[in-house]
Amino acid sequence: AIDDDTYVFVEVKYRQSGTAGTSLEAVTPSKQKK
């Protein structure tokens, strides 16, 4: 997306339940690098 003069890259994570951790925990440093 573009927000004013900024390109915004958005990662969306979904977890139905917390058994595999939260959605935000899934955005690891390795995932951030990718």
ModelCIF file with pLDDT and N, C-alpha, C, O atoms, coordinates in Angstrom:
data_MODEL
#
_entry.id   MODEL 
#
_entity.id                         1 
_entity.type                       polymer 
_entity.pdbx_number_of_molecules   1 
#
_entity_poly.entity_id                      1 
_entity_poly.type                           'polypeptide(L)' 
_entity_poly.nstd_linkage                   no 
_entity_poly.nstd_monomer                   no 
_entity_poly.pdbx_seq_one_letter_code       AIDDDTYVFVEVKYRQSGTAGTSLEAVTPSKQKK 
_entity_poly.pdbx_seq_one_letter_code_can   AIDDDTYVFVEVKYRQSGTAGTSLEAVTPSKQKK 
_entity_poly.pdbx_strand_id                 A 
#
loop_
_entity_poly_seq.entity_id 
_entity_poly_seq.num 
_entity_poly_seq.mon_id 
_entity_poly_seq.hetero 
1 1  ALA n 
1 2  ILE n 
1 3  ASP n 
1 4  ASP n 
1 5  ASP n 
1 6  THR n 
1 7  TYR n 
1 8  VAL n 
1 9  PHE n 
1 10 VAL n 
1 11 GLU n 
1 12 VAL n 
1 13 LYS n 
1 14 TYR n 
1 15 ARG n 
1 16 GLN n 
1 17 SER n 
1 18 GLY n 
1 19 THR n 
1 20 ALA n 
1 21 GLY n 
1 22 THR n 
1 23 SER n 
1 24 LEU n 
1 25 GLU n 
1 26 ALA n 
1 27 VAL n 
1 28 THR n 
1 29 PRO n 
1 30 SER n 
1 31 LYS n 
1 32 GLN n 
1 33 LYS n 
1 34 LYS n 
#
_struct_asym.id          A 
_struct_asym.entity_id   1 
#
loop_
_ma_qa_metric.id 
_ma_qa_metric.mode 
_ma_qa_metric.name 
_ma_qa_metric.software_group_id 
_ma_qa_metric.type 
1 global pLDDT . pLDDT 
2 local  pLDDT . pLDDT 
#
_ma_qa_metric_global.metric_id      1 
_ma_qa_metric_global.metric_value   92.38 
_ma_qa_metric_global.model_id       1 
_ma_qa_metric_global.ordinal_id     1 
#
loop_
_ma_qa_metric_local.label_asym_id 
_ma_qa_metric_local.label_comp_id 
_ma_qa_metric_local.label_seq_id 
_ma_qa_metric_local.metric_id 
_ma_qa_metric_local.metric_value 
_ma_qa_metric_local.model_id 
_ma_qa_metric_local.ordinal_id 
A ALA 1  2 98.00 1 1  
A ILE 2  2 97.00 1 2  
A ASP 3  2 97.00 1 3  
A ASP 4  2 97.00 1 4  
A ASP 5  2 96.00 1 5  
A THR 6  2 97.00 1 6  
A TYR 7  2 98.00 1 7  
A VAL 8  2 98.00 1 8  
A PHE 9  2 98.00 1 9  
A VAL 10 2 98.00 1 10 
A GLU 11 2 97.00 1 11 
A VAL 12 2 97.00 1 12 
A LYS 13 2 95.00 1 13 
A TYR 14 2 93.00 1 14 
A ARG 15 2 91.00 1 15 
A GLN 16 2 86.00 1 16 
A SER 17 2 76.00 1 17 
A GLY 18 2 68.00 1 18 
A THR 19 2 77.00 1 19 
A ALA 20 2 77.00 1 20 
A GLY 21 2 86.00 1 21 
A THR 22 2 92.00 1 22 
A SER 23 2 94.00 1 23 
A LEU 24 2 95.00 1 24 
A GLU 25 2 93.00 1 25 
A ALA 26 2 93.00 1 26 
A VAL 27 2 95.00 1 27 
A THR 28 2 95.00 1 28 
A PRO 29 2 95.00 1 29 
A SER 30 2 93.00 1 30 
A LYS 31 2 94.00 1 31 
A GLN 32 2 96.00 1 32 
A LYS 33 2 95.00 1 33 
A LYS 34 2 94.00 1 34 
#
loop_
_atom_site.group_PDB 
_atom_site.id 
_atom_site.type_symbol 
_atom_site.label_atom_id 
_atom_site.label_alt_id 
_atom_site.label_comp_id 
_atom_site.label_asym_id 
_atom_site.label_entity_id 
_atom_site.label_seq_id 
_atom_site.pdbx_PDB_ins_code 
_atom_site.Cartn_x 
_atom_site.Cartn_y 
_atom_site.Cartn_z 
_atom_site.occupancy 
_atom_site.B_iso_or_equiv 
_atom_site.pdbx_formal_charge 
_atom_site.auth_seq_id 
_atom_site.auth_comp_id 
_atom_site.auth_asym_id 
_atom_site.auth_atom_id 
_atom_site.pdbx_PDB_model_num 
ATOM 1   N N  . ALA A 1 1  ? 0.851  -1.196  0.000  1.00 98.00 ? 1  ALA A N  1 
ATOM 2   C CA . ALA A 1 1  ? 0.000  0.000   0.000  1.00 98.00 ? 1  ALA A CA 1 
ATOM 3   C C  . ALA A 1 1  ? 0.883  1.241   0.000  1.00 98.00 ? 1  ALA A C  1 
ATOM 4   O O  . ALA A 1 1  ? 2.087  1.164   0.245  1.00 98.00 ? 1  ALA A O  1 
ATOM 5   N N  . ILE A 1 2  ? 0.273  2.372   -0.276 1.00 97.00 ? 2  ILE A N  1 
ATOM 6   C CA . ILE A 1 2  ? 0.974  3.643   -0.182 1.00 97.00 ? 2  ILE A CA 1 
ATOM 7   C C  . ILE A 1 2  ? 0.228  4.501   0.826  1.00 97.00 ? 2  ILE A C  1 
ATOM 8   O O  . ILE A 1 2  ? -0.978 4.720   0.708  1.00 97.00 ? 2  ILE A O  1 
ATOM 9   N N  . ASP A 1 3  ? 0.970  4.985   1.827  1.00 97.00 ? 3  ASP A N  1 
ATOM 10  C CA . ASP A 1 3  ? 0.436  5.857   2.866  1.00 97.00 ? 3  ASP A CA 1 
ATOM 11  C C  . ASP A 1 3  ? 1.179  7.184   2.746  1.00 97.00 ? 3  ASP A C  1 
ATOM 12  O O  . ASP A 1 3  ? 2.333  7.296   3.161  1.00 97.00 ? 3  ASP A O  1 
ATOM 13  N N  . ASP A 1 4  ? 0.513  8.187   2.179  1.00 97.00 ? 4  ASP A N  1 
ATOM 14  C CA . ASP A 1 4  ? 1.155  9.459   1.838  1.00 97.00 ? 4  ASP A CA 1 
ATOM 15  C C  . ASP A 1 4  ? 2.321  9.182   0.890  1.00 97.00 ? 4  ASP A C  1 
ATOM 16  O O  . ASP A 1 4  ? 2.102  8.743   -0.239 1.00 97.00 ? 4  ASP A O  1 
ATOM 17  N N  . ASP A 1 5  ? 3.558  9.431   1.331  1.00 96.00 ? 5  ASP A N  1 
ATOM 18  C CA . ASP A 1 5  ? 4.721  9.207   0.464  1.00 96.00 ? 5  ASP A CA 1 
ATOM 19  C C  . ASP A 1 5  ? 5.501  7.953   0.866  1.00 96.00 ? 5  ASP A C  1 
ATOM 20  O O  . ASP A 1 5  ? 6.681  7.828   0.537  1.00 96.00 ? 5  ASP A O  1 
ATOM 21  N N  . THR A 1 6  ? 4.859  7.037   1.566  1.00 97.00 ? 6  THR A N  1 
ATOM 22  C CA . THR A 1 6  ? 5.525  5.852   2.089  1.00 97.00 ? 6  THR A CA 1 
ATOM 23  C C  . THR A 1 6  ? 4.929  4.577   1.489  1.00 97.00 ? 6  THR A C  1 
ATOM 24  O O  . THR A 1 6  ? 3.713  4.382   1.494  1.00 97.00 ? 6  THR A O  1 
ATOM 25  N N  . TYR A 1 7  ? 5.807  3.716   0.974  1.00 98.00 ? 7  TYR A N  1 
ATOM 26  C CA . TYR A 1 7  ? 5.378  2.387   0.545  1.00 98.00 ? 7  TYR A CA 1 
ATOM 27  C C  . TYR A 1 7  ? 5.294  1.515   1.792  1.00 98.00 ? 7  TYR A C  1 
ATOM 28  O O  . TYR A 1 7  ? 6.238  1.444   2.579  1.00 98.00 ? 7  TYR A O  1 
ATOM 29  N N  . VAL A 1 8  ? 4.159  0.857   1.959  1.00 98.00 ? 8  VAL A N  1 
ATOM 30  C CA . VAL A 1 8  ? 3.927  0.032   3.147  1.00 98.00 ? 8  VAL A CA 1 
ATOM 31  C C  . VAL A 1 8  ? 3.802  -1.427  2.719  1.00 98.00 ? 8  VAL A C  1 
ATOM 32  O O  . VAL A 1 8  ? 2.943  -1.781  1.912  1.00 98.00 ? 8  VAL A O  1 
ATOM 33  N N  . PHE A 1 9  ? 4.667  -2.258  3.270  1.00 98.00 ? 9  PHE A N  1 
ATOM 34  C CA . PHE A 1 9  ? 4.650  -3.697  3.011  1.00 98.00 ? 9  PHE A CA 1 
ATOM 35  C C  . PHE A 1 9  ? 4.047  -4.358  4.251  1.00 98.00 ? 9  PHE A C  1 
ATOM 36  O O  . PHE A 1 9  ? 4.576  -4.240  5.356  1.00 98.00 ? 9  PHE A O  1 
ATOM 37  N N  . VAL A 1 10 ? 2.943  -5.046  4.045  1.00 98.00 ? 10 VAL A N  1 
ATOM 38  C CA . VAL A 1 10 ? 2.181  -5.577  5.177  1.00 98.00 ? 10 VAL A CA 1 
ATOM 39  C C  . VAL A 1 10 ? 2.180  -7.098  5.157  1.00 98.00 ? 10 VAL A C  1 
ATOM 40  O O  . VAL A 1 10 ? 1.840  -7.723  4.153  1.00 98.00 ? 10 VAL A O  1 
ATOM 41  N N  . GLU A 1 11 ? 2.562  -7.672  6.273  1.00 97.00 ? 11 GLU A N  1 
ATOM 42  C CA . GLU A 1 11 ? 2.480  -9.112  6.478  1.00 97.00 ? 11 GLU A CA 1 
ATOM 43  C C  . GLU A 1 11 ? 1.225  -9.383  7.305  1.00 97.00 ? 11 GLU A C  1 
ATOM 44  O O  . GLU A 1 11 ? 1.015  -8.759  8.345  1.00 97.00 ? 11 GLU A O  1 
ATOM 45  N N  . VAL A 1 12 ? 0.401  -10.304 6.845  1.00 97.00 ? 12 VAL A N  1 
ATOM 46  C CA . VAL A 1 12 ? -0.831 -10.671 7.551  1.00 97.00 ? 12 VAL A CA 1 
ATOM 47  C C  . VAL A 1 12 ? -0.694 -12.121 8.011  1.00 97.00 ? 12 VAL A C  1 
ATOM 48  O O  . VAL A 1 12 ? -0.431 -13.019 7.211  1.00 97.00 ? 12 VAL A O  1 
ATOM 49  N N  . LYS A 1 13 ? -0.876 -12.329 9.298  1.00 95.00 ? 13 LYS A N  1 
ATOM 50  C CA . LYS A 1 13 ? -0.810 -13.675 9.870  1.00 95.00 ? 13 LYS A CA 1 
ATOM 51  C C  . LYS A 1 13 ? -2.104 -13.970 10.613 1.00 95.00 ? 13 LYS A C  1 
ATOM 52  O O  . LYS A 1 13 ? -2.654 -13.113 11.304 1.00 95.00 ? 13 LYS A O  1 
ATOM 53  N N  . TYR A 1 14 ? -2.583 -15.215 10.454 1.00 93.00 ? 14 TYR A N  1 
ATOM 54  C CA . TYR A 1 14 ? -3.829 -15.638 11.089 1.00 93.00 ? 14 TYR A CA 1 
ATOM 55  C C  . TYR A 1 14 ? -3.586 -16.906 11.896 1.00 93.00 ? 14 TYR A C  1 
ATOM 56  O O  . TYR A 1 14 ? -2.894 -17.818 11.444 1.00 93.00 ? 14 TYR A O  1 
ATOM 57  N N  . ARG A 1 15 ? -4.147 -16.953 13.066 1.00 91.00 ? 15 ARG A N  1 
ATOM 58  C CA . ARG A 1 15 ? -4.152 -18.159 13.891 1.00 91.00 ? 15 ARG A CA 1 
ATOM 59  C C  . ARG A 1 15 ? -5.560 -18.326 14.442 1.00 91.00 ? 15 ARG A C  1 
ATOM 60  O O  . ARG A 1 15 ? -6.116 -17.417 15.058 1.00 91.00 ? 15 ARG A O  1 
ATOM 61  N N  . GLN A 1 16 ? -6.117 -19.493 14.211 1.00 86.00 ? 16 GLN A N  1 
ATOM 62  C CA . GLN A 1 16 ? -7.468 -19.766 14.713 1.00 86.00 ? 16 GLN A CA 1 
ATOM 63  C C  . GLN A 1 16 ? -7.447 -19.956 16.225 1.00 86.00 ? 16 GLN A C  1 
ATOM 64  O O  . GLN A 1 16 ? -8.359 -19.531 16.935 1.00 86.00 ? 16 GLN A O  1 
ATOM 65  N N  . SER A 1 17 ? -6.377 -20.610 16.703 1.00 76.00 ? 17 SER A N  1 
ATOM 66  C CA . SER A 1 17 ? -6.232 -20.797 18.150 1.00 76.00 ? 17 SER A CA 1 
ATOM 67  C C  . SER A 1 17 ? -4.776 -20.540 18.512 1.00 76.00 ? 17 SER A C  1 
ATOM 68  O O  . SER A 1 17 ? -3.933 -20.411 17.624 1.00 76.00 ? 17 SER A O  1 
ATOM 69  N N  . GLY A 1 18 ? -4.479 -20.465 19.774 1.00 68.00 ? 18 GLY A N  1 
ATOM 70  C CA . GLY A 1 18 ? -3.124 -20.176 20.226 1.00 68.00 ? 18 GLY A CA 1 
ATOM 71  C C  . GLY A 1 18 ? -2.248 -21.395 20.410 1.00 68.00 ? 18 GLY A C  1 
ATOM 72  O O  . GLY A 1 18 ? -1.164 -21.282 20.981 1.00 68.00 ? 18 GLY A O  1 
ATOM 73  N N  . THR A 1 19 ? -2.679 -22.556 19.946 1.00 77.00 ? 19 THR A N  1 
ATOM 74  C CA . THR A 1 19 ? -1.902 -23.772 20.181 1.00 77.00 ? 19 THR A CA 1 
ATOM 75  C C  . THR A 1 19 ? -0.541 -23.745 19.497 1.00 77.00 ? 19 THR A C  1 
ATOM 76  O O  . THR A 1 19 ? 0.400  -24.379 19.974 1.00 77.00 ? 19 THR A O  1 
ATOM 77  N N  . ALA A 1 20 ? -0.425 -23.028 18.395 1.00 77.00 ? 20 ALA A N  1 
ATOM 78  C CA . ALA A 1 20 ? 0.856  -22.916 17.685 1.00 77.00 ? 20 ALA A CA 1 
ATOM 79  C C  . ALA A 1 20 ? 1.498  -21.555 17.928 1.00 77.00 ? 20 ALA A C  1 
ATOM 80  O O  . ALA A 1 20 ? 2.360  -21.137 17.155 1.00 77.00 ? 20 ALA A O  1 
ATOM 81  N N  . GLY A 1 21 ? 1.096  -20.858 18.985 1.00 86.00 ? 21 GLY A N  1 
ATOM 82  C CA . GLY A 1 21 ? 1.590  -19.520 19.259 1.00 86.00 ? 21 GLY A CA 1 
ATOM 83  C C  . GLY A 1 21 ? 0.670  -18.489 18.632 1.00 86.00 ? 21 GLY A C  1 
ATOM 84  O O  . GLY A 1 21 ? -0.282 -18.830 17.930 1.00 86.00 ? 21 GLY A O  1 
ATOM 85  N N  . THR A 1 22 ? 0.964  -17.230 18.893 1.00 92.00 ? 22 THR A N  1 
ATOM 86  C CA . THR A 1 22 ? 0.117  -16.167 18.360 1.00 92.00 ? 22 THR A CA 1 
ATOM 87  C C  . THR A 1 22 ? 0.534  -15.828 16.931 1.00 92.00 ? 22 THR A C  1 
ATOM 88  O O  . THR A 1 22 ? 1.615  -16.198 16.472 1.00 92.00 ? 22 THR A O  1 
ATOM 89  N N  . SER A 1 23 ? -0.340 -15.126 16.258 1.00 94.00 ? 23 SER A N  1 
ATOM 90  C CA . SER A 1 23 ? -0.055 -14.724 14.878 1.00 94.00 ? 23 SER A CA 1 
ATOM 91  C C  . SER A 1 23 ? 1.183  -13.831 14.819 1.00 94.00 ? 23 SER A C  1 
ATOM 92  O O  . SER A 1 23 ? 2.006  -13.972 13.914 1.00 94.00 ? 23 SER A O  1 
ATOM 93  N N  . LEU A 1 24 ? 1.319  -12.924 15.766 1.00 95.00 ? 24 LEU A N  1 
ATOM 94  C CA . LEU A 1 24 ? 2.458  -12.004 15.749 1.00 95.00 ? 24 LEU A CA 1 
ATOM 95  C C  . LEU A 1 24 ? 3.774  -12.720 16.018 1.00 95.00 ? 24 LEU A C  1 
ATOM 96  O O  . LEU A 1 24 ? 4.813  -12.312 15.499 1.00 95.00 ? 24 LEU A O  1 
ATOM 97  N N  . GLU A 1 25 ? 3.749  -13.776 16.816 1.00 93.00 ? 25 GLU A N  1 
ATOM 98  C CA . GLU A 1 25 ? 4.964  -14.555 17.080 1.00 93.00 ? 25 GLU A CA 1 
ATOM 99  C C  . GLU A 1 25 ? 5.474  -15.253 15.821 1.00 93.00 ? 25 GLU A C  1 
ATOM 100 O O  . GLU A 1 25 ? 6.646  -15.624 15.748 1.00 93.00 ? 25 GLU A O  1 
ATOM 101 N N  . ALA A 1 26 ? 4.611  -15.431 14.844 1.00 93.00 ? 26 ALA A N  1 
ATOM 102 C CA . ALA A 1 26 ? 4.991  -16.119 13.605 1.00 93.00 ? 26 ALA A CA 1 
ATOM 103 C C  . ALA A 1 26 ? 5.843  -15.244 12.690 1.00 93.00 ? 26 ALA A C  1 
ATOM 104 O O  . ALA A 1 26 ? 6.434  -15.750 11.736 1.00 93.00 ? 26 ALA A O  1 
ATOM 105 N N  . VAL A 1 27 ? 5.915  -13.952 12.960 1.00 95.00 ? 27 VAL A N  1 
ATOM 106 C CA . VAL A 1 27 ? 6.729  -13.049 12.144 1.00 95.00 ? 27 VAL A CA 1 
ATOM 107 C C  . VAL A 1 27 ? 8.111  -12.950 12.796 1.00 95.00 ? 27 VAL A C  1 
ATOM 108 O O  . VAL A 1 27 ? 8.458  -11.951 13.427 1.00 95.00 ? 27 VAL A O  1 
ATOM 109 N N  . THR A 1 28 ? 8.869  -14.004 12.622 1.00 95.00 ? 28 THR A N  1 
ATOM 110 C CA . THR A 1 28 ? 10.190 -14.156 13.231 1.00 95.00 ? 28 THR A CA 1 
ATOM 111 C C  . THR A 1 28 ? 11.230 -13.307 12.492 1.00 95.00 ? 28 THR A C  1 
ATOM 112 O O  . THR A 1 28 ? 10.952 -12.812 11.400 1.00 95.00 ? 28 THR A O  1 
ATOM 113 N N  . PRO A 1 29 ? 12.410 -13.134 13.066 1.00 95.00 ? 29 PRO A N  1 
ATOM 114 C CA . PRO A 1 29 ? 13.471 -12.423 12.338 1.00 95.00 ? 29 PRO A CA 1 
ATOM 115 C C  . PRO A 1 29 ? 13.765 -13.048 10.971 1.00 95.00 ? 29 PRO A C  1 
ATOM 116 O O  . PRO A 1 29 ? 14.051 -12.329 10.013 1.00 95.00 ? 29 PRO A O  1 
ATOM 117 N N  . SER A 1 30 ? 13.698 -14.362 10.873 1.00 93.00 ? 30 SER A N  1 
ATOM 118 C CA . SER A 1 30 ? 13.907 -15.028 9.592  1.00 93.00 ? 30 SER A CA 1 
ATOM 119 C C  . SER A 1 30 ? 12.825 -14.626 8.578  1.00 93.00 ? 30 SER A C  1 
ATOM 120 O O  . SER A 1 30 ? 13.127 -14.355 7.416  1.00 93.00 ? 30 SER A O  1 
ATOM 121 N N  . LYS A 1 31 ? 11.577 -14.591 9.026  1.00 94.00 ? 31 LYS A N  1 
ATOM 122 C CA . LYS A 1 31 ? 10.468 -14.169 8.169  1.00 94.00 ? 31 LYS A CA 1 
ATOM 123 C C  . LYS A 1 31 ? 10.617 -12.701 7.786  1.00 94.00 ? 31 LYS A C  1 
ATOM 124 O O  . LYS A 1 31 ? 10.337 -12.326 6.647  1.00 94.00 ? 31 LYS A O  1 
ATOM 125 N N  . GLN A 1 32 ? 11.054 -11.874 8.722  1.00 96.00 ? 32 GLN A N  1 
ATOM 126 C CA . GLN A 1 32 ? 11.265 -10.455 8.440  1.00 96.00 ? 32 GLN A CA 1 
ATOM 127 C C  . GLN A 1 32 ? 12.324 -10.268 7.358  1.00 96.00 ? 32 GLN A C  1 
ATOM 128 O O  . GLN A 1 32 ? 12.191 -9.396  6.499  1.00 96.00 ? 32 GLN A O  1 
ATOM 129 N N  . LYS A 1 33 ? 13.367 -11.083 7.398  1.00 95.00 ? 33 LYS A N  1 
ATOM 130 C CA . LYS A 1 33 ? 14.422 -11.005 6.383  1.00 95.00 ? 33 LYS A CA 1 
ATOM 131 C C  . LYS A 1 33 ? 13.875 -11.385 5.007  1.00 95.00 ? 33 LYS A C  1 
ATOM 132 O O  . LYS A 1 33 ? 14.228 -10.761 4.007  1.00 95.00 ? 33 LYS A O  1 
ATOM 133 N N  . LYS A 1 34 ? 13.024 -12.395 4.953  1.00 94.00 ? 34 LYS A N  1 
ATOM 134 C CA . LYS A 1 34 ? 12.418 -12.803 3.678  1.00 94.00 ? 34 LYS A CA 1 
ATOM 135 C C  . LYS A 1 34 ? 11.484 -11.723 3.144  1.00 94.00 ? 34 LYS A C  1 
ATOM 136 O O  . LYS A 1 34 ? 10.886 -11.894 2.081  1.00 94.00 ? 34 LYS A O  1 
#
